PDB file of all heavy atoms in Angstrom:
ATOM      1  N   ASN A   1      26.634  21.241 102.345  1.00  0.00           N
ATOM      2  CA  ASN A   1      27.850  21.934 101.760  1.00  0.00           C
ATOM      3  C   ASN A   1      27.891  23.334 102.482  1.00  0.00           C
ATOM      4  O   ASN A   1      26.931  24.107 102.364  1.00  0.00           O
ATOM      5  CB  ASN A   1      27.762  22.060 100.276  1.00  0.00           C
ATOM      6  CG  ASN A   1      29.108  22.500  99.694  1.00  0.00           C
ATOM      7  OD1 ASN A   1      29.929  23.240 100.274  1.00  0.00           O
ATOM      8  ND2 ASN A   1      29.332  22.079  98.403  1.00  0.00           N
ATOM      9  N   ALA A   2      29.017  23.662 103.065  1.00  0.00           N
ATOM     10  CA  ALA A   2      29.132  24.849 103.711  1.00  0.00           C
ATOM     11  C   ALA A   2      29.092  26.028 102.661  1.00  0.00           C
ATOM     12  O   ALA A   2      28.770  27.218 103.031  1.00  0.00           O
ATOM     13  CB  ALA A   2      30.560  24.975 104.401  1.00  0.00           C
ATOM     14  N   GLN A   3      29.448  25.800 101.392  1.00  0.00           N
ATOM     15  CA  GLN A   3      29.424  26.830 100.385  1.00  0.00           C
ATOM     16  C   GLN A   3      28.040  27.237  99.940  1.00  0.00           C
ATOM     17  O   GLN A   3      27.898  28.284  99.261  1.00  0.00           O
ATOM     18  CB  GLN A   3      30.189  26.341  99.111  1.00  0.00           C
ATOM     19  CG  GLN A   3      31.661  26.011  99.336  1.00  0.00           C
ATOM     20  CD  GLN A   3      32.402  27.238  99.919  1.00  0.00           C
ATOM     21  OE1 GLN A   3      32.368  28.317  99.286  1.00  0.00           O
ATOM     22  NE2 GLN A   3      33.098  27.097 101.052  1.00  0.00           N
ATOM     23  N   PHE A   4      26.923  26.445 100.365  1.00  0.00           N
ATOM     24  CA  PHE A   4      25.631  26.956 100.071  1.00  0.00           C
ATOM     25  C   PHE A   4      25.337  28.307 100.560  1.00  0.00           C
ATOM     26  O   PHE A   4      24.516  29.016 100.038  1.00  0.00           O
ATOM     27  CB  PHE A   4      24.591  26.020 100.680  1.00  0.00           C
ATOM     28  CG  PHE A   4      24.394  24.665  99.999  1.00  0.00           C
ATOM     29  CD1 PHE A   4      24.022  23.562 100.709  1.00  0.00           C
ATOM     30  CD2 PHE A   4      24.676  24.553  98.629  1.00  0.00           C
ATOM     31  CE1 PHE A   4      23.869  22.340 100.016  1.00  0.00           C
ATOM     32  CE2 PHE A   4      24.481  23.360  97.919  1.00  0.00           C
ATOM     33  CZ  PHE A   4      24.113  22.241  98.658  1.00  0.00           C
ATOM     34  N   PHE A   5      25.999  28.724 101.631  1.00  0.00           N
ATOM     35  CA  PHE A   5      25.673  29.970 102.331  1.00  0.00           C
ATOM     36  C   PHE A   5      26.419  31.162 101.751  1.00  0.00           C
ATOM     37  O   PHE A   5      26.050  32.321 102.058  1.00  0.00           O
ATOM     38  CB  PHE A   5      25.963  29.912 103.811  1.00  0.00           C
ATOM     39  CG  PHE A   5      25.259  28.767 104.492  1.00  0.00           C
ATOM     40  CD1 PHE A   5      25.709  28.218 105.670  1.00  0.00           C
ATOM     41  CD2 PHE A   5      24.028  28.301 103.999  1.00  0.00           C
ATOM     42  CE1 PHE A   5      25.079  27.204 106.349  1.00  0.00           C
ATOM     43  CE2 PHE A   5      23.328  27.338 104.624  1.00  0.00           C
ATOM     44  CZ  PHE A   5      23.805  26.770 105.863  1.00  0.00           C
ATOM     45  N   VAL A   6      27.432  30.960 101.052  1.00  0.00           N
ATOM     46  CA  VAL A   6      28.341  32.053 100.516  1.00  0.00           C
ATOM     47  C   VAL A   6      27.546  33.003  99.629  1.00  0.00           C
ATOM     48  O   VAL A   6      26.944  32.443  98.646  1.00  0.00           O
ATOM     49  CB  VAL A   6      29.610  31.454  99.945  1.00  0.00           C
ATOM     50  CG1 VAL A   6      30.477  32.619  99.351  1.00  0.00           C
ATOM     51  CG2 VAL A   6      30.379  30.665 100.898  1.00  0.00           C
ATOM     52  N   ASN A   7      27.581  34.253  99.910  1.00  0.00           N
ATOM     53  CA  ASN A   7      26.914  35.259  99.091  1.00  0.00           C
ATOM     54  C   ASN A   7      25.348  35.142  99.034  1.00  0.00           C
ATOM     55  O   ASN A   7      24.763  35.619  98.032  1.00  0.00           O
ATOM     56  CB  ASN A   7      27.542  35.332  97.680  1.00  0.00           C
ATOM     57  CG  ASN A   7      28.947  35.663  97.637  1.00  0.00           C
ATOM     58  OD1 ASN A   7      29.384  36.547  98.471  1.00  0.00           O
ATOM     59  ND2 ASN A   7      29.728  35.078  96.794  1.00  0.00           N
ATOM     60  N   HIS A   8      24.795  34.552 100.000  1.00  0.00           N
ATOM     61  CA  HIS A   8      23.330  34.396 100.072  1.00  0.00           C
ATOM     62  C   HIS A   8      22.779  35.288 101.171  1.00  0.00           C
ATOM     63  O   HIS A   8      23.477  35.950 101.911  1.00  0.00           O
ATOM     64  CB  HIS A   8      23.005  32.933 100.308  1.00  0.00           C
ATOM     65  CG  HIS A   8      23.006  32.175  99.012  1.00  0.00           C
ATOM     66  ND1 HIS A   8      21.884  31.926  98.246  1.00  0.00           N
ATOM     67  CD2 HIS A   8      24.010  31.492  98.381  1.00  0.00           C
ATOM     68  CE1 HIS A   8      22.188  31.218  97.161  1.00  0.00           C
ATOM     69  NE2 HIS A   8      23.527  30.951  97.251  1.00  0.00           N
ATOM     70  N   ASN A   9      21.397  35.350 101.155  1.00  0.00           N
ATOM     71  CA  ASN A   9      20.628  36.199 102.101  1.00  0.00           C
ATOM     72  C   ASN A   9      20.156  35.371 103.273  1.00  0.00           C
ATOM     73  O   ASN A   9      19.755  34.180 103.092  1.00  0.00           O
ATOM     74  CB  ASN A   9      19.445  36.741 101.301  1.00  0.00           C
ATOM     75  CG  ASN A   9      18.551  37.666 102.026  1.00  0.00           C
ATOM     76  OD1 ASN A   9      19.111  38.326 102.996  1.00  0.00           O
ATOM     77  ND2 ASN A   9      17.354  37.711 101.776  1.00  0.00           N
ATOM     78  N   TYR A  10      20.212  36.007 104.426  1.00  0.00           N
ATOM     79  CA  TYR A  10      19.606  35.437 105.588  1.00  0.00           C
ATOM     80  C   TYR A  10      18.535  36.307 106.207  1.00  0.00           C
ATOM     81  O   TYR A  10      18.780  37.538 106.318  1.00  0.00           O
ATOM     82  CB  TYR A  10      20.767  35.262 106.704  1.00  0.00           C
ATOM     83  CG  TYR A  10      20.448  34.170 107.724  1.00  0.00           C
ATOM     84  CD1 TYR A  10      21.178  32.928 107.709  1.00  0.00           C
ATOM     85  CD2 TYR A  10      19.578  34.411 108.742  1.00  0.00           C
ATOM     86  CE1 TYR A  10      20.997  31.978 108.611  1.00  0.00           C
ATOM     87  CE2 TYR A  10      19.306  33.372 109.660  1.00  0.00           C
ATOM     88  CZ  TYR A  10      20.055  32.234 109.635  1.00  0.00           C
ATOM     89  OH  TYR A  10      19.800  31.242 110.627  1.00  0.00           O
ATOM     90  N   ILE A  11      17.444  35.808 106.466  1.00  0.00           N
ATOM     91  CA  ILE A  11      16.327  36.615 107.027  1.00  0.00           C
ATOM     92  C   ILE A  11      16.297  36.402 108.471  1.00  0.00           C
ATOM     93  O   ILE A  11      16.208  35.263 109.022  1.00  0.00           O
ATOM     94  CB  ILE A  11      15.008  36.161 106.386  1.00  0.00           C
ATOM     95  CG1 ILE A  11      15.012  36.400 104.876  1.00  0.00           C
ATOM     96  CG2 ILE A  11      13.765  36.996 107.015  1.00  0.00           C
ATOM     97  CD1 ILE A  11      13.808  35.893 104.150  1.00  0.00           C
ATOM     98  N   LEU A  12      16.308  37.494 109.284  1.00  0.00           N
ATOM     99  CA  LEU A  12      16.157  37.501 110.691  1.00  0.00           C
ATOM    100  C   LEU A  12      14.893  38.217 111.055  1.00  0.00           C
ATOM    101  O   LEU A  12      14.494  39.205 110.429  1.00  0.00           O
ATOM    102  CB  LEU A  12      17.305  38.249 111.375  1.00  0.00           C
ATOM    103  CG  LEU A  12      18.630  37.497 111.618  1.00  0.00           C
ATOM    104  CD1 LEU A  12      19.626  38.432 112.321  1.00  0.00           C
ATOM    105  CD2 LEU A  12      18.447  36.129 112.369  1.00  0.00           C
ATOM    106  N   ILE A  13      14.149  37.700 112.039  1.00  0.00           N
ATOM    107  CA  ILE A  13      12.932  38.286 112.525  1.00  0.00           C
ATOM    108  C   ILE A  13      13.092  38.636 113.991  1.00  0.00           C
ATOM    109  O   ILE A  13      12.778  37.765 114.943  1.00  0.00           O
ATOM    110  CB  ILE A  13      11.766  37.369 112.239  1.00  0.00           C
ATOM    111  CG1 ILE A  13      11.712  37.096 110.699  1.00  0.00           C
ATOM    112  CG2 ILE A  13      10.470  38.012 112.762  1.00  0.00           C
ATOM    113  CD1 ILE A  13      10.686  36.045 110.364  1.00  0.00           C
ATOM    114  N   PRO A  14      13.608  39.813 114.280  1.00  0.00           N
ATOM    115  CA  PRO A  14      13.739  40.197 115.766  1.00  0.00           C
ATOM    116  C   PRO A  14      12.439  40.273 116.372  1.00  0.00           C
ATOM    117  O   PRO A  14      11.454  40.784 115.824  1.00  0.00           O
ATOM    118  CB  PRO A  14      14.553  41.539 115.625  1.00  0.00           C
ATOM    119  CG  PRO A  14      15.082  41.595 114.254  1.00  0.00           C
ATOM    120  CD  PRO A  14      14.197  40.849 113.360  1.00  0.00           C
ATOM    121  N   ARG A  15      12.296  39.885 117.655  1.00  0.00           N
ATOM    122  CA  ARG A  15      11.156  40.104 118.419  1.00  0.00           C
ATOM    123  C   ARG A  15      11.541  40.977 119.654  1.00  0.00           C
ATOM    124  O   ARG A  15      12.699  41.118 120.092  1.00  0.00           O
ATOM    125  CB  ARG A  15      10.617  38.760 118.993  1.00  0.00           C
ATOM    126  CG  ARG A  15      10.157  37.803 117.927  1.00  0.00           C
ATOM    127  CD  ARG A  15       9.619  36.481 118.483  1.00  0.00           C
ATOM    128  NE  ARG A  15      10.599  35.837 119.267  1.00  0.00           N
ATOM    129  CZ  ARG A  15      10.403  35.114 120.429  1.00  0.00           C
ATOM    130  NH1 ARG A  15       9.267  35.244 120.979  1.00  0.00           N
ATOM    131  NH2 ARG A  15      11.352  34.562 121.012  1.00  0.00           N
ATOM    132  N   GLU A  16      10.513  41.680 120.212  1.00  0.00           N
ATOM    133  CA  GLU A  16      10.789  42.609 121.292  1.00  0.00           C
ATOM    134  C   GLU A  16      11.489  41.944 122.484  1.00  0.00           C
ATOM    135  O   GLU A  16      12.249  42.581 123.213  1.00  0.00           O
ATOM    136  CB  GLU A  16       9.504  43.245 121.764  1.00  0.00           C
ATOM    137  CG  GLU A  16       8.884  44.165 120.767  1.00  0.00           C
ATOM    138  CD  GLU A  16       7.583  44.851 121.339  1.00  0.00           C
ATOM    139  OE1 GLU A  16       7.240  44.583 122.493  1.00  0.00           O
ATOM    140  OE2 GLU A  16       6.984  45.657 120.578  1.00  0.00           O
ATOM    141  N   CYS A  17      11.275  40.642 122.690  1.00  0.00           N
ATOM    142  CA  CYS A  17      11.863  39.962 123.836  1.00  0.00           C
ATOM    143  C   CYS A  17      13.396  39.548 123.562  1.00  0.00           C
ATOM    144  O   CYS A  17      14.059  39.133 124.518  1.00  0.00           O
ATOM    145  CB  CYS A  17      11.074  38.802 124.225  1.00  0.00           C
ATOM    146  SG  CYS A  17      10.903  37.507 122.915  1.00  0.00           S
ATOM    147  N   ASN A  18      13.782  39.577 122.327  1.00  0.00           N
ATOM    148  CA  ASN A  18      15.147  39.227 121.996  1.00  0.00           C
ATOM    149  C   ASN A  18      16.158  40.245 122.647  1.00  0.00           C
ATOM    150  O   ASN A  18      15.909  41.433 122.522  1.00  0.00           O
ATOM    151  CB  ASN A  18      15.346  39.142 120.459  1.00  0.00           C
ATOM    152  CG  ASN A  18      14.724  37.968 119.822  1.00  0.00           C
ATOM    153  OD1 ASN A  18      14.152  38.156 118.799  1.00  0.00           O
ATOM    154  ND2 ASN A  18      14.673  36.862 120.437  1.00  0.00           N
ATOM    155  N   LYS A  19      17.207  39.758 123.179  1.00  0.00           N
ATOM    156  CA  LYS A  19      18.233  40.642 123.716  1.00  0.00           C
ATOM    157  C   LYS A  19      19.093  41.240 122.586  1.00  0.00           C
ATOM    158  O   LYS A  19      19.401  40.529 121.631  1.00  0.00           O
ATOM    159  CB  LYS A  19      19.129  39.832 124.618  1.00  0.00           C
ATOM    160  CG  LYS A  19      18.448  39.336 125.927  1.00  0.00           C
ATOM    161  CD  LYS A  19      19.433  38.616 126.787  1.00  0.00           C
ATOM    162  CE  LYS A  19      18.705  38.109 128.099  1.00  0.00           C
ATOM    163  NZ  LYS A  19      19.655  37.399 128.965  1.00  0.00           N
ATOM    164  N   ALA A  20      19.305  42.517 122.684  1.00  0.00           N
ATOM    165  CA  ALA A  20      20.117  43.223 121.653  1.00  0.00           C
ATOM    166  C   ALA A  20      21.409  42.602 121.393  1.00  0.00           C
ATOM    167  O   ALA A  20      21.850  42.465 120.230  1.00  0.00           O
ATOM    168  CB  ALA A  20      20.213  44.742 122.023  1.00  0.00           C
ATOM    169  N   GLU A  21      22.114  42.177 122.409  1.00  0.00           N
ATOM    170  CA  GLU A  21      23.437  41.593 122.268  1.00  0.00           C
ATOM    171  C   GLU A  21      23.338  40.224 121.531  1.00  0.00           C
ATOM    172  O   GLU A  21      24.260  39.858 120.798  1.00  0.00           O
ATOM    173  CB  GLU A  21      24.137  41.422 123.595  1.00  0.00           C
ATOM    174  CG  GLU A  21      23.489  40.526 124.619  1.00  0.00           C
ATOM    175  CD  GLU A  21      22.501  41.315 125.542  1.00  0.00           C
ATOM    176  OE1 GLU A  21      22.001  42.347 125.153  1.00  0.00           O
ATOM    177  OE2 GLU A  21      22.387  40.830 126.720  1.00  0.00           O
ATOM    178  N   ASN A  22      22.254  39.506 121.783  1.00  0.00           N
ATOM    179  CA  ASN A  22      22.107  38.241 121.060  1.00  0.00           C
ATOM    180  C   ASN A  22      21.725  38.349 119.586  1.00  0.00           C
ATOM    181  O   ASN A  22      22.238  37.661 118.723  1.00  0.00           O
ATOM    182  CB  ASN A  22      20.954  37.380 121.768  1.00  0.00           C
ATOM    183  CG  ASN A  22      21.401  36.874 123.128  1.00  0.00           C
ATOM    184  OD1 ASN A  22      22.613  36.844 123.451  1.00  0.00           O
ATOM    185  ND2 ASN A  22      20.457  36.440 123.924  1.00  0.00           N
ATOM    186  N   LEU A  23      20.992  39.378 119.254  1.00  0.00           N
ATOM    187  CA  LEU A  23      20.703  39.707 117.906  1.00  0.00           C
ATOM    188  C   LEU A  23      22.003  40.082 117.158  1.00  0.00           C
ATOM    189  O   LEU A  23      22.279  39.742 116.039  1.00  0.00           O
ATOM    190  CB  LEU A  23      19.695  40.842 117.713  1.00  0.00           C
ATOM    191  CG  LEU A  23      18.271  40.470 118.086  1.00  0.00           C
ATOM    192  CD1 LEU A  23      17.409  41.658 118.224  1.00  0.00           C
ATOM    193  CD2 LEU A  23      17.668  39.537 117.006  1.00  0.00           C
ATOM    194  N   GLU A  24      22.831  40.908 117.845  1.00  0.00           N
ATOM    195  CA  GLU A  24      24.099  41.369 117.200  1.00  0.00           C
ATOM    196  C   GLU A  24      25.002  40.155 117.100  1.00  0.00           C
ATOM    197  O   GLU A  24      25.787  40.064 116.103  1.00  0.00           O
ATOM    198  CB  GLU A  24      24.772  42.410 118.136  1.00  0.00           C
ATOM    199  CG  GLU A  24      25.995  43.074 117.478  1.00  0.00           C
ATOM    200  CD  GLU A  24      25.751  43.629 116.102  1.00  0.00           C
ATOM    201  OE1 GLU A  24      24.711  44.198 115.914  1.00  0.00           O
ATOM    202  OE2 GLU A  24      26.628  43.435 115.240  1.00  0.00           O
ATOM    203  N   PHE A  25      24.978  39.211 118.036  1.00  0.00           N
ATOM    204  CA  PHE A  25      25.816  37.972 117.952  1.00  0.00           C
ATOM    205  C   PHE A  25      25.363  37.233 116.682  1.00  0.00           C
ATOM    206  O   PHE A  25      26.166  36.723 115.914  1.00  0.00           O
ATOM    207  CB  PHE A  25      25.660  37.122 119.182  1.00  0.00           C
ATOM    208  CG  PHE A  25      26.149  35.736 118.983  1.00  0.00           C
ATOM    209  CD1 PHE A  25      27.426  35.368 119.182  1.00  0.00           C
ATOM    210  CD2 PHE A  25      25.290  34.709 118.595  1.00  0.00           C
ATOM    211  CE1 PHE A  25      27.951  34.123 118.968  1.00  0.00           C
ATOM    212  CE2 PHE A  25      25.727  33.402 118.431  1.00  0.00           C
ATOM    213  CZ  PHE A  25      27.099  33.106 118.593  1.00  0.00           C
ATOM    214  N   MET A  26      24.012  37.070 116.469  1.00  0.00           N
ATOM    215  CA  MET A  26      23.544  36.271 115.382  1.00  0.00           C
ATOM    216  C   MET A  26      23.997  36.986 114.077  1.00  0.00           C
ATOM    217  O   MET A  26      24.362  36.271 113.085  1.00  0.00           O
ATOM    218  CB  MET A  26      22.012  36.243 115.388  1.00  0.00           C
ATOM    219  CG  MET A  26      21.553  35.175 116.333  1.00  0.00           C
ATOM    220  SD  MET A  26      21.997  33.465 115.910  1.00  0.00           S
ATOM    221  CE  MET A  26      21.243  33.273 114.349  1.00  0.00           C
TER     222      MET A  26
END
C-alpha cells in the first residue's frame, strides 16, 4: 500500500563515496 509511507520516517546512511547530488535526489 502506498499509504504505508505517509508521515513515516526514512533512515538514510550517507557514505563518503556517495555523490552529493544523488543524496539530495534521494
